[in-house]
Amino acid sequence: MADWHSRARSRPVAPFIPRPLTAATLGNALPRVQPEDPAARLLLFGVRQLGAQGLNDAATAHAFITAFGKGFRGPLLLLRALMAEMSAASAGPIQIAPWCCARMTASEGALIEVIASIERDSERARLLLSDLLGIRRVDGVLATANALANAFADAGMPVEV
């Protein structure tokens, strides 16, 4: 009786032909450029790291310590809470790019917009967050996003887009 290795070798294998990465493909996957604002970039880095590495990621903690000094705990705790709440409440996956990517996914862009605009236009922020999460009732997550925006502003780094 032949093992799976010999059976796999006896079948003809179709050659793998990689598709070239075009501007249209990249534009569809990552439609937005990263924001210029340092607070928005820090927030984006934290979202990406916590989303990929887990809520207790040390690189995120180090970035927040570097940016906020002694007052890093509030913004970091609120970002962790926001990520956990969004993960629990979301009706589907939320797309995030790797931390080193110079462009943003539509989901990341929407989240940055929510945090940046929640004080000025809370109804717009509510609609963006509702679309992002795919649910209608976003009051709890919206409250945490508002607290996070206030924590960044109180620490001297308001998120602006």
Protein backbone atom coordinates (compact mmCIF):
# COMPACT_ATOMS: atom_id res chain seq x y z
CA MET A 1 0.00 0.00 0.00
CA ALA A 2 1.41 3.35 -1.01
CA ASP A 3 1.64 6.16 1.47
CA TRP A 4 0.27 9.64 0.79
CA HIS A 5 3.69 10.91 -0.33
CA SER A 6 3.89 8.55 -3.29
CA ARG A 7 0.28 9.24 -4.26
CA ALA A 8 0.88 12.97 -4.14
CA ARG A 9 3.95 12.63 -6.36
CA SER A 10 2.19 10.47 -8.92
CA ARG A 11 -0.46 13.11 -9.68
CA PRO A 12 0.39 15.86 -12.13
CA VAL A 13 0.71 19.18 -10.37
CA ALA A 14 -0.45 22.38 -11.93
CA PRO A 15 2.26 25.04 -11.82
CA PHE A 16 1.69 27.91 -9.43
CA ILE A 17 1.52 31.15 -11.35
CA PRO A 18 1.44 34.16 -9.03
CA ARG A 19 -0.82 36.99 -10.04
CA PRO A 20 0.97 40.31 -10.30
CA LEU A 21 0.05 42.88 -7.68
CA THR A 22 -1.59 45.72 -9.55
CA ALA A 23 -2.51 49.18 -8.37
CA ALA A 24 -6.19 48.24 -8.60
CA THR A 25 -5.68 45.19 -6.38
CA LEU A 26 -3.74 47.21 -3.82
CA GLY A 27 -6.28 50.03 -3.99
CA ASN A 28 -9.13 47.61 -3.29
CA ALA A 29 -7.42 45.92 -0.35
CA LEU A 30 -5.89 49.05 1.16
CA PRO A 31 -7.89 52.04 -0.09
CA ARG A 32 -6.62 54.73 2.28
CA VAL A 33 -3.26 56.27 3.09
CA GLN A 34 -2.18 56.40 6.72
CA PRO A 35 -3.03 59.66 8.47
CA GLU A 36 -0.36 62.31 8.98
CA ASP A 37 -1.44 63.03 12.57
CA PRO A 38 0.94 61.36 15.09
CA ALA A 39 -1.92 60.52 17.47
CA ALA A 40 -3.88 58.82 14.68
CA ARG A 41 -0.77 56.88 13.65
CA LEU A 42 -0.22 55.75 17.24
CA LEU A 43 -3.85 54.68 17.47
CA LEU A 44 -3.55 52.79 14.17
CA PHE A 45 -0.38 51.06 15.36
CA GLY A 46 -2.10 50.04 18.60
CA VAL A 47 -5.16 48.71 16.76
CA ARG A 48 -3.00 46.68 14.40
CA GLN A 49 -0.74 45.29 17.11
CA LEU A 50 -3.53 44.41 19.53
CA GLY A 51 -5.57 42.90 16.70
CA ALA A 52 -2.69 40.74 15.50
CA GLN A 53 -0.78 39.96 18.71
CA GLY A 54 -3.47 40.06 21.39
CA LEU A 55 -4.58 42.50 24.05
CA ASN A 56 -1.42 42.17 26.16
CA ASP A 57 1.04 43.07 23.40
CA ALA A 58 4.25 44.56 24.79
CA ALA A 59 5.08 46.57 21.66
CA THR A 60 1.82 48.49 22.02
CA ALA A 61 2.48 49.14 25.70
CA HIS A 62 5.99 50.39 24.88
CA ALA A 63 4.68 52.71 22.15
CA PHE A 64 2.10 54.18 24.54
CA ILE A 65 4.69 54.62 27.31
CA THR A 66 6.95 56.42 24.84
CA ALA A 67 4.15 58.67 23.58
CA PHE A 68 2.27 59.41 26.81
CA GLY A 69 4.88 58.98 29.53
CA LYS A 70 3.44 58.33 33.00
CA GLY A 71 -0.11 58.82 31.72
CA PHE A 72 0.01 55.85 29.32
CA ARG A 73 -2.27 53.56 31.33
CA GLY A 74 -5.59 55.27 30.58
CA PRO A 75 -5.30 55.37 26.79
CA LEU A 76 -3.82 51.85 26.68
CA LEU A 77 -6.52 50.37 28.91
CA LEU A 78 -9.28 52.06 26.90
CA LEU A 79 -7.81 50.88 23.59
CA ARG A 80 -7.68 47.33 24.94
CA ALA A 81 -11.28 47.64 26.13
CA LEU A 82 -12.39 49.03 22.75
CA MET A 83 -10.70 46.19 20.87
CA ALA A 84 -12.28 43.57 23.15
CA GLU A 85 -15.73 45.14 22.85
CA MET A 86 -15.50 45.46 19.08
CA SER A 87 -14.37 41.85 18.80
CA ALA A 88 -17.29 40.64 20.92
CA ALA A 89 -19.92 42.84 19.28
CA SER A 90 -18.91 42.60 15.63
CA ALA A 91 -21.14 40.61 13.29
CA GLY A 92 -18.15 39.70 11.08
CA PRO A 93 -14.39 40.04 10.78
CA ILE A 94 -12.76 43.47 10.88
CA GLN A 95 -9.92 43.71 8.38
CA ILE A 96 -6.58 45.03 9.64
CA ALA A 97 -3.31 45.40 7.78
CA PRO A 98 0.15 44.52 9.14
CA TRP A 99 1.68 47.20 11.38
CA CYS A 100 4.31 48.13 8.79
CA CYS A 101 1.87 48.78 5.94
CA ALA A 102 1.79 52.39 4.76
CA ARG A 103 -1.87 52.18 3.73
CA MET A 104 -5.05 51.41 5.69
CA THR A 105 -7.94 49.07 5.15
CA ALA A 106 -11.42 50.56 4.94
CA SER A 107 -12.17 49.15 8.40
CA GLU A 108 -9.12 50.82 9.95
CA GLY A 109 -9.98 54.10 8.24
CA ALA A 110 -13.53 53.95 9.57
CA LEU A 111 -12.32 53.29 13.12
CA ILE A 112 -9.86 56.20 12.99
CA GLU A 113 -12.68 58.41 11.65
CA VAL A 114 -14.95 57.31 14.52
CA ILE A 115 -12.35 58.22 17.16
CA ALA A 116 -11.45 61.51 15.45
CA SER A 117 -15.01 62.69 14.86
CA ILE A 118 -16.87 61.43 17.91
CA GLU A 119 -16.68 64.76 19.77
CA ARG A 120 -17.64 66.92 16.78
CA ASP A 121 -20.27 64.72 15.13
CA SER A 122 -21.48 61.86 17.31
CA GLU A 123 -24.24 60.79 14.89
CA ARG A 124 -21.71 60.35 12.08
CA ALA A 125 -19.47 58.38 14.43
CA ARG A 126 -22.42 56.19 15.44
CA LEU A 127 -23.26 55.42 11.79
CA LEU A 128 -19.64 54.67 10.90
CA LEU A 129 -19.26 52.36 13.88
CA SER A 130 -22.56 50.65 13.12
CA ASP A 131 -21.41 50.00 9.56
CA LEU A 132 -18.00 48.82 10.74
CA LEU A 133 -19.41 46.33 13.24
CA GLY A 134 -22.42 45.32 11.19
CA ILE A 135 -24.86 45.84 14.07
CA ARG A 136 -27.42 48.50 14.93
CA ARG A 137 -26.87 48.99 18.64
CA VAL A 138 -23.38 50.31 19.19
CA ASP A 139 -23.93 52.44 22.29
CA GLY A 140 -21.53 50.52 24.54
CA VAL A 141 -18.73 50.43 21.99
CA LEU A 142 -19.38 54.07 21.11
CA ALA A 143 -19.05 55.08 24.77
CA THR A 144 -15.69 53.33 24.98
CA ALA A 145 -14.57 55.00 21.74
CA ASN A 146 -15.59 58.36 23.21
CA ALA A 147 -13.63 57.66 26.38
CA LEU A 148 -10.60 56.67 24.29
CA ALA A 149 -10.82 59.88 22.24
CA ASN A 150 -11.03 61.89 25.48
CA ALA A 151 -8.07 60.02 26.98
CA PHE A 152 -5.92 60.83 23.95
CA ALA A 153 -7.01 64.49 24.08
CA ASP A 154 -6.43 64.73 27.85
CA ALA A 155 -2.92 63.36 27.36
CA GLY A 156 -2.17 66.12 24.84
CA MET A 157 -2.56 64.01 21.69
CA PRO A 158 -6.05 64.57 20.25
CA VAL A 159 -6.78 62.27 17.31
CA GLU A 160 -7.32 64.34 14.17
CA VAL A 161 -7.76 63.27 10.59
